[in-house]
Amino acid sequence: MKSKEVQQFVGAAIEKIRKEKNMSREFLASKVNVSLDSIGNYERGQTAMGIDKLAEISRALDVDPGVIISETKSTMLWKYEKLSPRHKEAIKEMIDVCYNDQRHQLPRME
């Protein structure tokens, strides 16, 4: 999955939570000290945000950052479930390759 897609999922999760809390973009922007355009760009996944900004937005929305990540995971899983069995298998194989590659690069815990 491309980082742009992840940005879009995170942005969609932020927008969903913001709307559930009946919070305007203007209010959220003022709470995190960014422009209205910045909030719109975050929500549309057009601008990447760092972990610090995600934490600020989470505080402003009064949710744990894990809630935003969990919402993002749910969206990604929904997309996965819509794939054909052949594509699901390809995804599983890619995950295994990446996991095994990463595992060999991690320092060993002694």
C-alpha atoms as a PDB file:
ATOM      1  CA  MET A   1       0.000   0.000   0.000  1.00  0.00           C
ATOM      2  CA  LYS A   2       1.332   3.386  -0.957  1.00  0.00           C
ATOM      3  CA  SER A   3       1.896   6.029   1.693  1.00  0.00           C
ATOM      4  CA  LYS A   4      -0.533   8.314  -0.157  1.00  0.00           C
ATOM      5  CA  GLU A   5      -3.288   5.736   0.362  1.00  0.00           C
ATOM      6  CA  VAL A   6      -2.435   5.476   4.048  1.00  0.00           C
ATOM      7  CA  GLN A   7      -2.607   9.281   4.301  1.00  0.00           C
ATOM      8  CA  GLN A   8      -6.058   9.147   2.715  1.00  0.00           C
ATOM      9  CA  PHE A   9      -7.253   6.463   5.139  1.00  0.00           C
ATOM     10  CA  VAL A  10      -5.933   8.403   8.138  1.00  0.00           C
ATOM     11  CA  GLY A  11      -7.498  11.603   6.810  1.00  0.00           C
ATOM     12  CA  ALA A  12     -10.846   9.897   6.266  1.00  0.00           C
ATOM     13  CA  ALA A  13     -10.719   8.551   9.825  1.00  0.00           C
ATOM     14  CA  ILE A  14     -10.008  12.027  11.197  1.00  0.00           C
ATOM     15  CA  GLU A  15     -12.880  13.496   9.183  1.00  0.00           C
ATOM     16  CA  LYS A  16     -15.276  10.755  10.338  1.00  0.00           C
ATOM     17  CA  ILE A  17     -14.392  11.236  14.004  1.00  0.00           C
ATOM     18  CA  ARG A  18     -14.569  15.029  13.686  1.00  0.00           C
ATOM     19  CA  LYS A  19     -18.047  14.815  12.170  1.00  0.00           C
ATOM     20  CA  GLU A  20     -19.201  12.307  14.798  1.00  0.00           C
ATOM     21  CA  LYS A  21     -18.238  14.894  17.396  1.00  0.00           C
ATOM     22  CA  ASN A  22     -20.075  17.647  15.492  1.00  0.00           C
ATOM     23  CA  MET A  23     -16.848  19.600  15.241  1.00  0.00           C
ATOM     24  CA  SER A  24     -16.240  21.969  12.338  1.00  0.00           C
ATOM     25  CA  ARG A  25     -12.986  22.041  10.413  1.00  0.00           C
ATOM     26  CA  GLU A  26     -12.581  25.635  11.550  1.00  0.00           C
ATOM     27  CA  PHE A  27     -12.799  24.645  15.207  1.00  0.00           C
ATOM     28  CA  LEU A  28     -10.375  21.748  14.777  1.00  0.00           C
ATOM     29  CA  ALA A  29      -7.947  24.002  12.909  1.00  0.00           C
ATOM     30  CA  SER A  30      -8.015  26.521  15.749  1.00  0.00           C
ATOM     31  CA  LYS A  31      -7.475  23.769  18.350  1.00  0.00           C
ATOM     32  CA  VAL A  32      -4.326  22.470  16.594  1.00  0.00           C
ATOM     33  CA  ASN A  33      -3.137  25.900  15.463  1.00  0.00           C
ATOM     34  CA  VAL A  34      -3.147  25.207  11.708  1.00  0.00           C
ATOM     35  CA  SER A  35      -5.057  26.723   8.816  1.00  0.00           C
ATOM     36  CA  LEU A  36      -8.462  25.541   7.689  1.00  0.00           C
ATOM     37  CA  ASP A  37      -6.835  24.498   4.406  1.00  0.00           C
ATOM     38  CA  SER A  38      -4.354  22.320   6.322  1.00  0.00           C
ATOM     39  CA  ILE A  39      -7.171  20.417   8.029  1.00  0.00           C
ATOM     40  CA  GLY A  40      -8.878  19.924   4.681  1.00  0.00           C
ATOM     41  CA  ASN A  41      -5.623  18.685   3.159  1.00  0.00           C
ATOM     42  CA  TYR A  42      -5.073  16.261   6.052  1.00  0.00           C
ATOM     43  CA  GLU A  43      -8.619  14.924   5.764  1.00  0.00           C
ATOM     44  CA  ARG A  44      -8.306  14.422   2.000  1.00  0.00           C
ATOM     45  CA  GLY A  45      -4.892  12.777   2.406  1.00  0.00           C
ATOM     46  CA  GLN A  46      -3.230  15.468   0.315  1.00  0.00           C
ATOM     47  CA  THR A  47      -0.758  16.436   3.015  1.00  0.00           C
ATOM     48  CA  ALA A  48       1.248  14.029   5.122  1.00  0.00           C
ATOM     49  CA  MET A  49       1.312  14.607   8.846  1.00  0.00           C
ATOM     50  CA  GLY A  50       3.890  13.560  11.350  1.00  0.00           C
ATOM     51  CA  ILE A  51       3.186  11.633  14.497  1.00  0.00           C
ATOM     52  CA  ASP A  52       3.281  14.857  16.524  1.00  0.00           C
ATOM     53  CA  LYS A  53       0.523  16.414  14.413  1.00  0.00           C
ATOM     54  CA  LEU A  54      -1.523  13.216  14.625  1.00  0.00           C
ATOM     55  CA  ALA A  55      -1.171  13.360  18.420  1.00  0.00           C
ATOM     56  CA  GLU A  56      -2.285  17.022  18.459  1.00  0.00           C
ATOM     57  CA  ILE A  57      -5.308  16.261  16.313  1.00  0.00           C
ATOM     58  CA  SER A  58      -6.150  13.283  18.517  1.00  0.00           C
ATOM     59  CA  ARG A  59      -6.048  15.484  21.616  1.00  0.00           C
ATOM     60  CA  ALA A  60      -8.221  18.095  19.911  1.00  0.00           C
ATOM     61  CA  LEU A  61     -10.726  15.380  18.963  1.00  0.00           C
ATOM     62  CA  ASP A  62     -10.487  13.969  22.496  1.00  0.00           C
ATOM     63  CA  VAL A  63      -9.620  10.479  21.256  1.00  0.00           C
ATOM     64  CA  ASP A  64      -6.607   8.253  21.679  1.00  0.00           C
ATOM     65  CA  PRO A  65      -4.408   8.205  18.539  1.00  0.00           C
ATOM     66  CA  GLY A  66      -5.080   4.477  18.499  1.00  0.00           C
ATOM     67  CA  VAL A  67      -8.720   5.211  17.675  1.00  0.00           C
ATOM     68  CA  ILE A  68      -7.668   6.975  14.476  1.00  0.00           C
ATOM     69  CA  ILE A  69      -5.256   4.163  13.622  1.00  0.00           C
ATOM     70  CA  SER A  70      -7.923   1.556  14.399  1.00  0.00           C
ATOM     71  CA  GLU A  71     -10.388   3.323  12.122  1.00  0.00           C
ATOM     72  CA  THR A  72      -7.699   3.381   9.434  1.00  0.00           C
ATOM     73  CA  LYS A  73      -7.062  -0.355   9.867  1.00  0.00           C
ATOM     74  CA  SER A  74     -10.796  -1.055   9.573  1.00  0.00           C
ATOM     75  CA  THR A  75     -10.922   0.753   6.249  1.00  0.00           C
ATOM     76  CA  MET A  76      -7.880  -1.107   4.977  1.00  0.00           C
ATOM     77  CA  LEU A  77      -9.351  -4.451   6.052  1.00  0.00           C
ATOM     78  CA  TRP A  78     -12.615  -3.579   4.325  1.00  0.00           C
ATOM     79  CA  LYS A  79     -10.701  -3.003   1.089  1.00  0.00           C
ATOM     80  CA  TYR A  80      -8.814  -6.274   1.565  1.00  0.00           C
ATOM     81  CA  GLU A  81     -12.053  -8.193   2.040  1.00  0.00           C
ATOM     82  CA  LYS A  82     -13.297  -6.913  -1.323  1.00  0.00           C
ATOM     83  CA  LEU A  83     -10.316  -8.450  -3.161  1.00  0.00           C
ATOM     84  CA  SER A  84     -10.481 -11.661  -5.139  1.00  0.00           C
ATOM     85  CA  PRO A  85      -8.947 -14.795  -3.546  1.00  0.00           C
ATOM     86  CA  ARG A  86      -6.032 -14.534  -5.995  1.00  0.00           C
ATOM     87  CA  HIS A  87      -5.286 -10.957  -4.949  1.00  0.00           C
ATOM     88  CA  LYS A  88      -5.651 -11.795  -1.249  1.00  0.00           C
ATOM     89  CA  GLU A  89      -3.076 -14.550  -1.675  1.00  0.00           C
ATOM     90  CA  ALA A  90      -0.703 -12.130  -3.418  1.00  0.00           C
ATOM     91  CA  ILE A  91      -1.079  -9.670  -0.513  1.00  0.00           C
ATOM     92  CA  LYS A  92      -0.350 -12.419   2.018  1.00  0.00           C
ATOM     93  CA  GLU A  93       2.779 -13.428   0.118  1.00  0.00           C
ATOM     94  CA  MET A  94       4.004  -9.804  -0.001  1.00  0.00           C
ATOM     95  CA  ILE A  95       3.420  -9.419   3.728  1.00  0.00           C
ATOM     96  CA  ASP A  96       5.369 -12.615   4.424  1.00  0.00           C
ATOM     97  CA  VAL A  97       8.288 -11.441   2.277  1.00  0.00           C
ATOM     98  CA  CYS A  98       8.366  -8.014   3.958  1.00  0.00           C
ATOM     99  CA  TYR A  99       7.998  -9.489   7.435  1.00  0.00           C
ATOM    100  CA  ASN A 100      10.788 -12.015   6.925  1.00  0.00           C
ATOM    101  CA  ASP A 101      13.039  -9.354   5.412  1.00  0.00           C
ATOM    102  CA  GLN A 102      12.411  -6.996   8.335  1.00  0.00           C
ATOM    103  CA  ARG A 103      12.826  -9.754  10.910  1.00  0.00           C
ATOM    104  CA  HIS A 104      16.321 -10.496   9.615  1.00  0.00           C
ATOM    105  CA  GLN A 105      17.265  -6.831   9.898  1.00  0.00           C
ATOM    106  CA  LEU A 106      16.079  -6.339  13.489  1.00  0.00           C
ATOM    107  CA  PRO A 107      18.661  -6.528  16.284  1.00  0.00           C
ATOM    108  CA  ARG A 108      18.350  -9.650  18.363  1.00  0.00           C
ATOM    109  CA  MET A 109      17.080  -9.342  21.927  1.00  0.00           C
ATOM    110  CA  GLU A 110      19.486 -11.058  24.329  1.00  0.00           C
END
